[in-house]
Structures are given as structure tokens and as C-alpha cells.
Amino acid sequence: MLTHLRELKAALLAALILIGLCVHGGRAHAAETETLIVAGGCFWCVESDFEQVRGVIAAESGFTGGTVENPSYKQVTAGGTGHYEAVQITFDPTQVTRAQLLHLFLRSVDPTDAGGQFCDRGESYRTAIFVTDAAEKRIAESAIAEAKSALGKQIVTPILNAQRFYPAEAYHQDYYKSSEIILTRFGPRTKASAYKLYRDACGRDARVKELWGKDAPFAGHS
């Protein structure tokens, strides 16, 4: 009887330890993800690029850096709100680091252009990196210094203190792979097809290739 009781206690203790490890493991797993917010012109394109990257869990199109709460796409692109079209990237730092993502980001845009990106002009289409603390700022500064050295040109992409990120309207999310039919100047097209036509016409990949050559990580693959 005594032996049986000891075995029961041991089994109960083991179960409690296992439960504790599972709970702790679940919390640790939840805490493993980090976020990076960048602005790189058209957010459809940035979202498309970074959802290809191993270790990126999600990329969400939205707005940040302005003065209007919960702005609409129409408000932001009309100008005057101060917002950037931005993308919030959620990633697993055990698979891809913040530094690696910033390396890719700076080579996926024209960081020498202060007036917008490619065919999209105006304040909402400027590039930027958003940081939340001194450590993130140091990583961003290092990435910019590396890009400047590699490119041999001045980098105008600023490092800004992160502000609230507002997700864009639902129809902007995953635009590049949507099969929804919309009416374009070329006639009815899926969003995915319209996105490809827009990206090509805007000259994004052509300019990135011109700047970065073989170091352009996404040009021609989106």
C-alpha cells in the first residue's frame, strides 16, 4: 500500500512537472516572435517580398508615422496625414534575424530616393525603418551603414521611432495572391494579375536590379 502511494505521488509529481513545462513552453513559443515595421513604397510589394522569406510568419500592410488615428488608404495617399504605407513583419528570430531582414529590405527598395519609390511619388511612399528601442536602432544603423558601403551612395532611408501601426483595409491584405476579380484599365483581372501588371509598369524590379544587381533579393520573383 505504501509503495503504491509513493508511486502514485511520483506519477502525480511527474504529471505536474510536465504540465508546467508545457505551459512554460507555450509561453516561450509565443514570446519567440518579433515584429519589424518598414516602409518601402507600395505595401503590396513589400508584403509580397517578405512573405517569401523563411522565418517570416506574416506580413501585414498598413500605415504608420502619421497624426491621424486609424486612417484610410484614401486619406493617406491623398497626403497630409504624415503616414507611410508600411508593412508589419512578424518573424521567428531563431530562423531569421532582424539584421538579416533589414539587409533584404534595403536591397529591395531604392534607398537613395527621398521622394517616394519608383512610379509612386509623395510622402506616403517614402522609405523608412521603424524602431522601438536603442538595440533595434543600432541594428538599423548598422544595416544602413552596410548598404551605403555596398552601394557607394548616400542612403536617405531614415530610422524613426515606432508609432502605432494601423492595418490597412482588408482588401489590401494579400493583394498579390488574391484570385478576386476586379475591373482594371486592361479589363477584368484577378487582383494577383493586376498586381503583377502594376509592379512591372511601376518599374520596381527594374530599378532595384539597376541599383543592386545580383544582390537584389526579390526582383523578378514577385
C-alpha atoms as a PDB file:
ATOM      1  CA  MET A   1       0.000   0.000   0.000  1.00  0.00           C
ATOM      2  CA  LEU A   2       2.813   2.370   0.952  1.00  0.00           C
ATOM      3  CA  THR A   3       4.714   1.521  -2.218  1.00  0.00           C
ATOM      4  CA  HIS A   4       1.613   2.112  -4.284  1.00  0.00           C
ATOM      5  CA  LEU A   5       1.084   5.502  -2.629  1.00  0.00           C
ATOM      6  CA  ARG A   6       4.683   6.528  -3.332  1.00  0.00           C
ATOM      7  CA  GLU A   7       4.311   5.514  -6.968  1.00  0.00           C
ATOM      8  CA  LEU A   8       1.091   7.487  -7.221  1.00  0.00           C
ATOM      9  CA  LYS A   9       2.744  10.577  -5.735  1.00  0.00           C
ATOM     10  CA  ALA A  10       5.696  10.210  -8.102  1.00  0.00           C
ATOM     11  CA  ALA A  11       3.382   9.887 -11.077  1.00  0.00           C
ATOM     12  CA  LEU A  12       1.371  12.917  -9.947  1.00  0.00           C
ATOM     13  CA  LEU A  13       4.536  14.973  -9.484  1.00  0.00           C
ATOM     14  CA  ALA A  14       5.776  13.994 -12.940  1.00  0.00           C
ATOM     15  CA  ALA A  15       2.428  14.982 -14.460  1.00  0.00           C
ATOM     16  CA  LEU A  16       2.520  18.363 -12.724  1.00  0.00           C
ATOM     17  CA  ILE A  17       6.067  18.978 -13.944  1.00  0.00           C
ATOM     18  CA  LEU A  18       5.049  18.040 -17.496  1.00  0.00           C
ATOM     19  CA  ILE A  19       2.054  20.374 -17.360  1.00  0.00           C
ATOM     20  CA  GLY A  20       4.289  23.143 -16.074  1.00  0.00           C
ATOM     21  CA  LEU A  21       6.791  22.584 -18.872  1.00  0.00           C
ATOM     22  CA  CYS A  22       4.028  22.644 -21.469  1.00  0.00           C
ATOM     23  CA  VAL A  23       2.612  25.909 -20.139  1.00  0.00           C
ATOM     24  CA  HIS A  24       6.068  27.460 -19.946  1.00  0.00           C
ATOM     25  CA  GLY A  25       6.932  26.141 -23.386  1.00  0.00           C
ATOM     26  CA  GLY A  26       3.749  27.612 -24.797  1.00  0.00           C
ATOM     27  CA  ARG A  27       4.565  30.990 -23.303  1.00  0.00           C
ATOM     28  CA  ALA A  28       8.146  30.795 -24.539  1.00  0.00           C
ATOM     29  CA  HIS A  29       6.979  29.920 -28.036  1.00  0.00           C
ATOM     30  CA  ALA A  30       4.559  32.842 -28.028  1.00  0.00           C
ATOM     31  CA  ALA A  31       7.357  35.147 -26.888  1.00  0.00           C
ATOM     32  CA  GLU A  32       9.726  33.961 -29.633  1.00  0.00           C
ATOM     33  CA  THR A  33       8.136  36.067 -32.354  1.00  0.00           C
ATOM     34  CA  GLU A  34       9.261  39.633 -33.011  1.00  0.00           C
ATOM     35  CA  THR A  35       7.990  42.392 -35.273  1.00  0.00           C
ATOM     36  CA  LEU A  36       9.687  44.750 -37.681  1.00  0.00           C
ATOM     37  CA  ILE A  37       7.926  47.683 -39.342  1.00  0.00           C
ATOM     38  CA  VAL A  38       9.336  49.095 -42.568  1.00  0.00           C
ATOM     39  CA  ALA A  39       8.082  51.414 -45.295  1.00  0.00           C
ATOM     40  CA  GLY A  40       9.182  50.630 -48.817  1.00  0.00           C
ATOM     41  CA  GLY A  41       6.753  52.287 -51.176  1.00  0.00           C
ATOM     42  CA  CYS A  42       3.746  50.223 -52.249  1.00  0.00           C
ATOM     43  CA  PHE A  43       2.889  47.971 -49.329  1.00  0.00           C
ATOM     44  CA  TRP A  44       1.521  45.254 -51.608  1.00  0.00           C
ATOM     45  CA  CYS A  45       5.049  44.788 -52.946  1.00  0.00           C
ATOM     46  CA  VAL A  46       6.787  44.780 -49.559  1.00  0.00           C
ATOM     47  CA  GLU A  47       4.246  42.280 -48.236  1.00  0.00           C
ATOM     48  CA  SER A  48       4.739  40.064 -51.287  1.00  0.00           C
ATOM     49  CA  ASP A  49       8.520  40.175 -50.955  1.00  0.00           C
ATOM     50  CA  PHE A  50       8.771  39.365 -47.274  1.00  0.00           C
ATOM     51  CA  GLU A  51       6.173  36.622 -47.156  1.00  0.00           C
ATOM     52  CA  GLN A  52       8.690  34.655 -49.271  1.00  0.00           C
ATOM     53  CA  VAL A  53      11.350  34.806 -46.561  1.00  0.00           C
ATOM     54  CA  ARG A  54      11.971  31.755 -44.417  1.00  0.00           C
ATOM     55  CA  GLY A  55      11.208  32.599 -40.791  1.00  0.00           C
ATOM     56  CA  VAL A  56       8.661  35.294 -41.618  1.00  0.00           C
ATOM     57  CA  ILE A  57       5.356  34.281 -40.103  1.00  0.00           C
ATOM     58  CA  ALA A  58       3.214  37.094 -41.513  1.00  0.00           C
ATOM     59  CA  ALA A  59       3.454  40.449 -43.258  1.00  0.00           C
ATOM     60  CA  GLU A  60       0.581  42.918 -42.864  1.00  0.00           C
ATOM     61  CA  SER A  61       0.004  46.039 -44.943  1.00  0.00           C
ATOM     62  CA  GLY A  62      -0.860  49.219 -43.087  1.00  0.00           C
ATOM     63  CA  PHE A  63       0.042  52.756 -42.135  1.00  0.00           C
ATOM     64  CA  THR A  64       2.261  54.337 -39.503  1.00  0.00           C
ATOM     65  CA  GLY A  65       4.147  57.501 -38.630  1.00  0.00           C
ATOM     66  CA  GLY A  66       1.313  59.993 -39.059  1.00  0.00           C
ATOM     67  CA  THR A  67      -1.017  62.135 -36.999  1.00  0.00           C
ATOM     68  CA  VAL A  68      -4.460  60.808 -37.977  1.00  0.00           C
ATOM     69  CA  GLU A  69      -5.925  57.929 -35.992  1.00  0.00           C
ATOM     70  CA  ASN A  70      -6.981  54.847 -37.953  1.00  0.00           C
ATOM     71  CA  PRO A  71      -6.508  56.479 -41.369  1.00  0.00           C
ATOM     72  CA  SER A  72      -7.989  55.126 -44.568  1.00  0.00           C
ATOM     73  CA  TYR A  73      -5.991  54.338 -47.679  1.00  0.00           C
ATOM     74  CA  LYS A  74      -7.687  57.252 -49.427  1.00  0.00           C
ATOM     75  CA  GLN A  75      -6.666  59.673 -46.676  1.00  0.00           C
ATOM     76  CA  VAL A  76      -3.062  58.509 -46.616  1.00  0.00           C
ATOM     77  CA  THR A  77      -2.497  58.547 -50.375  1.00  0.00           C
ATOM     78  CA  ALA A  78      -4.154  61.961 -50.667  1.00  0.00           C
ATOM     79  CA  GLY A  79      -1.369  63.309 -48.438  1.00  0.00           C
ATOM     80  CA  GLY A  80      -1.324  65.460 -45.345  1.00  0.00           C
ATOM     81  CA  THR A  81      -1.676  62.736 -42.701  1.00  0.00           C
ATOM     82  CA  GLY A  82       2.062  62.146 -42.372  1.00  0.00           C
ATOM     83  CA  HIS A  83       1.603  58.404 -42.630  1.00  0.00           C
ATOM     84  CA  TYR A  84       3.782  55.995 -44.552  1.00  0.00           C
ATOM     85  CA  GLU A  85       2.462  52.958 -46.370  1.00  0.00           C
ATOM     86  CA  ALA A  86       4.166  50.359 -44.205  1.00  0.00           C
ATOM     87  CA  VAL A  87       4.328  46.650 -43.544  1.00  0.00           C
ATOM     88  CA  GLN A  88       4.478  44.978 -40.157  1.00  0.00           C
ATOM     89  CA  ILE A  89       6.574  41.834 -40.432  1.00  0.00           C
ATOM     90  CA  THR A  90       6.173  39.164 -37.758  1.00  0.00           C
ATOM     91  CA  PHE A  91       9.097  36.772 -37.676  1.00  0.00           C
ATOM     92  CA  ASP A  92      10.774  33.978 -35.764  1.00  0.00           C
ATOM     93  CA  PRO A  93      14.230  35.268 -34.728  1.00  0.00           C
ATOM     94  CA  THR A  94      15.543  31.714 -34.417  1.00  0.00           C
ATOM     95  CA  GLN A  95      15.098  31.350 -38.187  1.00  0.00           C
ATOM     96  CA  VAL A  96      15.789  34.862 -39.466  1.00  0.00           C
ATOM     97  CA  THR A  97      17.254  37.825 -37.607  1.00  0.00           C
ATOM     98  CA  ARG A  98      16.230  41.469 -37.614  1.00  0.00           C
ATOM     99  CA  ALA A  99      19.591  42.325 -39.169  1.00  0.00           C
ATOM    100  CA  GLN A 100      19.016  39.838 -41.999  1.00  0.00           C
ATOM    101  CA  LEU A 101      15.551  41.222 -42.683  1.00  0.00           C
ATOM    102  CA  LEU A 102      16.897  44.778 -42.830  1.00  0.00           C
ATOM    103  CA  HIS A 103      19.664  43.643 -45.168  1.00  0.00           C
ATOM    104  CA  LEU A 104      16.996  42.253 -47.502  1.00  0.00           C
ATOM    105  CA  PHE A 105      14.750  45.281 -47.090  1.00  0.00           C
ATOM    106  CA  LEU A 106      17.350  47.851 -48.074  1.00  0.00           C
ATOM    107  CA  ARG A 107      18.167  45.808 -51.189  1.00  0.00           C
ATOM    108  CA  SER A 108      14.502  45.532 -52.143  1.00  0.00           C
ATOM    109  CA  VAL A 109      13.965  49.298 -52.442  1.00  0.00           C
ATOM    110  CA  ASP A 110      15.707  52.395 -53.764  1.00  0.00           C
ATOM    111  CA  PRO A 111      17.101  53.819 -50.506  1.00  0.00           C
ATOM    112  CA  THR A 112      18.629  56.749 -52.388  1.00  0.00           C
ATOM    113  CA  ASP A 113      15.213  58.204 -53.302  1.00  0.00           C
ATOM    114  CA  ALA A 114      13.709  60.617 -50.766  1.00  0.00           C
ATOM    115  CA  GLY A 115      10.619  61.490 -52.799  1.00  0.00           C
ATOM    116  CA  GLY A 116       8.839  58.154 -52.977  1.00  0.00           C
ATOM    117  CA  GLN A 117       9.503  54.819 -54.618  1.00  0.00           C
ATOM    118  CA  PHE A 118       9.597  54.072 -58.336  1.00  0.00           C
ATOM    119  CA  CYS A 119       6.411  55.381 -60.011  1.00  0.00           C
ATOM    120  CA  ASP A 120       4.759  56.135 -56.648  1.00  0.00           C
ATOM    121  CA  ARG A 121       5.615  59.640 -55.507  1.00  0.00           C
ATOM    122  CA  GLY A 122       4.792  61.559 -52.346  1.00  0.00           C
ATOM    123  CA  GLU A 123       5.238  61.323 -48.602  1.00  0.00           C
ATOM    124  CA  SER A 124       3.248  58.140 -48.099  1.00  0.00           C
ATOM    125  CA  TYR A 125       5.571  56.207 -50.437  1.00  0.00           C
ATOM    126  CA  ARG A 126       8.886  57.171 -48.808  1.00  0.00           C
ATOM    127  CA  THR A 127      11.112  54.528 -47.266  1.00  0.00           C
ATOM    128  CA  ALA A 128      11.734  54.240 -43.518  1.00  0.00           C
ATOM    129  CA  ILE A 129      12.751  51.808 -40.791  1.00  0.00           C
ATOM    130  CA  PHE A 130      10.859  51.991 -37.502  1.00  0.00           C
ATOM    131  CA  VAL A 131      12.490  51.051 -34.193  1.00  0.00           C
ATOM    132  CA  THR A 132      11.251  50.671 -30.636  1.00  0.00           C
ATOM    133  CA  ASP A 133      14.457  50.860 -28.613  1.00  0.00           C
ATOM    134  CA  ALA A 134      18.188  51.565 -28.684  1.00  0.00           C
ATOM    135  CA  ALA A 135      19.102  47.989 -29.577  1.00  0.00           C
ATOM    136  CA  GLU A 136      16.840  47.990 -32.641  1.00  0.00           C
ATOM    137  CA  LYS A 137      18.223  51.400 -33.618  1.00  0.00           C
ATOM    138  CA  ARG A 138      21.798  50.085 -33.527  1.00  0.00           C
ATOM    139  CA  ILE A 139      20.844  47.158 -35.764  1.00  0.00           C
ATOM    140  CA  ALA A 140      19.168  49.534 -38.217  1.00  0.00           C
ATOM    141  CA  GLU A 141      22.140  51.906 -38.206  1.00  0.00           C
ATOM    142  CA  SER A 142      24.475  49.015 -38.941  1.00  0.00           C
ATOM    143  CA  ALA A 143      22.252  47.826 -41.812  1.00  0.00           C
ATOM    144  CA  ILE A 144      22.194  51.299 -43.351  1.00  0.00           C
ATOM    145  CA  ALA A 145      25.965  51.711 -42.989  1.00  0.00           C
ATOM    146  CA  GLU A 146      26.480  48.338 -44.680  1.00  0.00           C
ATOM    147  CA  ALA A 147      24.102  49.268 -47.508  1.00  0.00           C
ATOM    148  CA  LYS A 148      25.848  52.609 -48.007  1.00  0.00           C
ATOM    149  CA  SER A 149      29.219  50.867 -48.234  1.00  0.00           C
ATOM    150  CA  ALA A 150      27.906  48.220 -50.642  1.00  0.00           C
ATOM    151  CA  LEU A 151      26.107  50.709 -52.884  1.00  0.00           C
ATOM    152  CA  GLY A 152      28.647  53.530 -52.708  1.00  0.00           C
ATOM    153  CA  LYS A 153      25.827  56.070 -52.475  1.00  0.00           C
ATOM    154  CA  GLN A 154      24.133  58.082 -49.766  1.00  0.00           C
ATOM    155  CA  ILE A 155      21.230  56.247 -48.101  1.00  0.00           C
ATOM    156  CA  VAL A 156      18.302  58.557 -47.338  1.00  0.00           C
ATOM    157  CA  THR A 157      16.060  55.968 -45.662  1.00  0.00           C
ATOM    158  CA  PRO A 158      15.514  57.335 -42.130  1.00  0.00           C
ATOM    159  CA  ILE A 159      15.362  55.431 -38.855  1.00  0.00           C
ATOM    160  CA  LEU A 160      12.282  56.604 -36.978  1.00  0.00           C
ATOM    161  CA  ASN A 161      10.779  55.892 -33.589  1.00  0.00           C
ATOM    162  CA  ALA A 162       7.929  53.441 -33.980  1.00  0.00           C
ATOM    163  CA  GLN A 163       4.417  54.772 -33.667  1.00  0.00           C
ATOM    164  CA  ARG A 164       1.129  52.937 -33.718  1.00  0.00           C
ATOM    165  CA  PHE A 165       0.670  50.678 -36.725  1.00  0.00           C
ATOM    166  CA  TYR A 166      -2.780  50.737 -38.316  1.00  0.00           C
ATOM    167  CA  PRO A 167      -3.656  47.767 -40.546  1.00  0.00           C
ATOM    168  CA  ALA A 168      -4.908  48.774 -43.977  1.00  0.00           C
ATOM    169  CA  GLU A 169      -8.343  47.825 -45.198  1.00  0.00           C
ATOM    170  CA  ALA A 170      -8.970  44.106 -45.689  1.00  0.00           C
ATOM    171  CA  TYR A 171      -8.932  44.338 -49.493  1.00  0.00           C
ATOM    172  CA  HIS A 172      -5.250  45.353 -49.379  1.00  0.00           C
ATOM    173  CA  GLN A 173      -4.102  42.297 -47.452  1.00  0.00           C
ATOM    174  CA  ASP A 174      -2.505  39.542 -49.561  1.00  0.00           C
ATOM    175  CA  TYR A 175      -3.430  41.547 -52.648  1.00  0.00           C
ATOM    176  CA  TYR A 176      -0.608  39.987 -54.650  1.00  0.00           C
ATOM    177  CA  LYS A 177      -2.058  36.475 -54.427  1.00  0.00           C
ATOM    178  CA  SER A 178      -5.794  37.123 -54.402  1.00  0.00           C
ATOM    179  CA  SER A 179      -7.979  35.438 -57.002  1.00  0.00           C
ATOM    180  CA  GLU A 180     -10.731  38.039 -56.578  1.00  0.00           C
ATOM    181  CA  ILE A 181     -11.773  39.576 -59.908  1.00  0.00           C
ATOM    182  CA  ILE A 182     -11.546  43.352 -60.229  1.00  0.00           C
ATOM    183  CA  LEU A 183     -12.042  45.743 -63.139  1.00  0.00           C
ATOM    184  CA  THR A 184      -8.830  47.368 -64.393  1.00  0.00           C
ATOM    185  CA  ARG A 185      -7.975  49.518 -67.400  1.00  0.00           C
ATOM    186  CA  PHE A 186      -6.902  46.256 -69.033  1.00  0.00           C
ATOM    187  CA  GLY A 187     -10.325  44.736 -68.371  1.00  0.00           C
ATOM    188  CA  PRO A 188     -11.353  42.213 -65.689  1.00  0.00           C
ATOM    189  CA  ARG A 189      -8.357  40.732 -63.896  1.00  0.00           C
ATOM    190  CA  THR A 190      -7.653  38.877 -60.697  1.00  0.00           C
ATOM    191  CA  LYS A 191      -6.001  41.016 -58.053  1.00  0.00           C
ATOM    192  CA  ALA A 192      -2.908  38.852 -58.414  1.00  0.00           C
ATOM    193  CA  SER A 193      -2.749  39.572 -62.149  1.00  0.00           C
ATOM    194  CA  ALA A 194      -3.430  43.286 -61.633  1.00  0.00           C
ATOM    195  CA  TYR A 195      -0.691  43.407 -59.011  1.00  0.00           C
ATOM    196  CA  LYS A 196       1.837  41.887 -61.397  1.00  0.00           C
ATOM    197  CA  LEU A 197       0.885  44.356 -64.136  1.00  0.00           C
ATOM    198  CA  TYR A 198       1.213  47.248 -61.671  1.00  0.00           C
ATOM    199  CA  ARG A 199       4.583  46.073 -60.347  1.00  0.00           C
ATOM    200  CA  ASP A 200       6.021  45.694 -63.837  1.00  0.00           C
ATOM    201  CA  ALA A 201       4.632  49.026 -65.054  1.00  0.00           C
ATOM    202  CA  CYS A 202       5.891  50.858 -61.977  1.00  0.00           C
ATOM    203  CA  GLY A 203       9.457  49.748 -62.690  1.00  0.00           C
ATOM    204  CA  ARG A 204      10.159  48.472 -59.212  1.00  0.00           C
ATOM    205  CA  ASP A 205      12.164  45.396 -60.128  1.00  0.00           C
ATOM    206  CA  ALA A 206      13.968  47.140 -62.987  1.00  0.00           C
ATOM    207  CA  ARG A 207      15.206  49.929 -60.715  1.00  0.00           C
ATOM    208  CA  VAL A 208      16.169  47.573 -57.893  1.00  0.00           C
ATOM    209  CA  LYS A 209      18.160  45.438 -60.345  1.00  0.00           C
ATOM    210  CA  GLU A 210      19.819  48.562 -61.721  1.00  0.00           C
ATOM    211  CA  LEU A 211      20.883  49.591 -58.212  1.00  0.00           C
ATOM    212  CA  TRP A 212      21.714  46.272 -56.579  1.00  0.00           C
ATOM    213  CA  GLY A 213      22.371  43.883 -59.440  1.00  0.00           C
ATOM    214  CA  LYS A 214      22.698  40.281 -58.275  1.00  0.00           C
ATOM    215  CA  ASP A 215      22.250  41.402 -54.660  1.00  0.00           C
ATOM    216  CA  ALA A 216      18.602  42.310 -55.287  1.00  0.00           C
ATOM    217  CA  PRO A 217      16.839  39.519 -53.371  1.00  0.00           C
ATOM    218  CA  PHE A 218      13.294  39.730 -54.778  1.00  0.00           C
ATOM    219  CA  ALA A 219      13.438  41.419 -58.179  1.00  0.00           C
ATOM    220  CA  GLY A 220      11.844  39.215 -60.785  1.00  0.00           C
ATOM    221  CA  HIS A 221      10.441  36.757 -58.233  1.00  0.00           C
ATOM    222  CA  SER A 222       7.224  38.526 -57.112  1.00  0.00           C
END
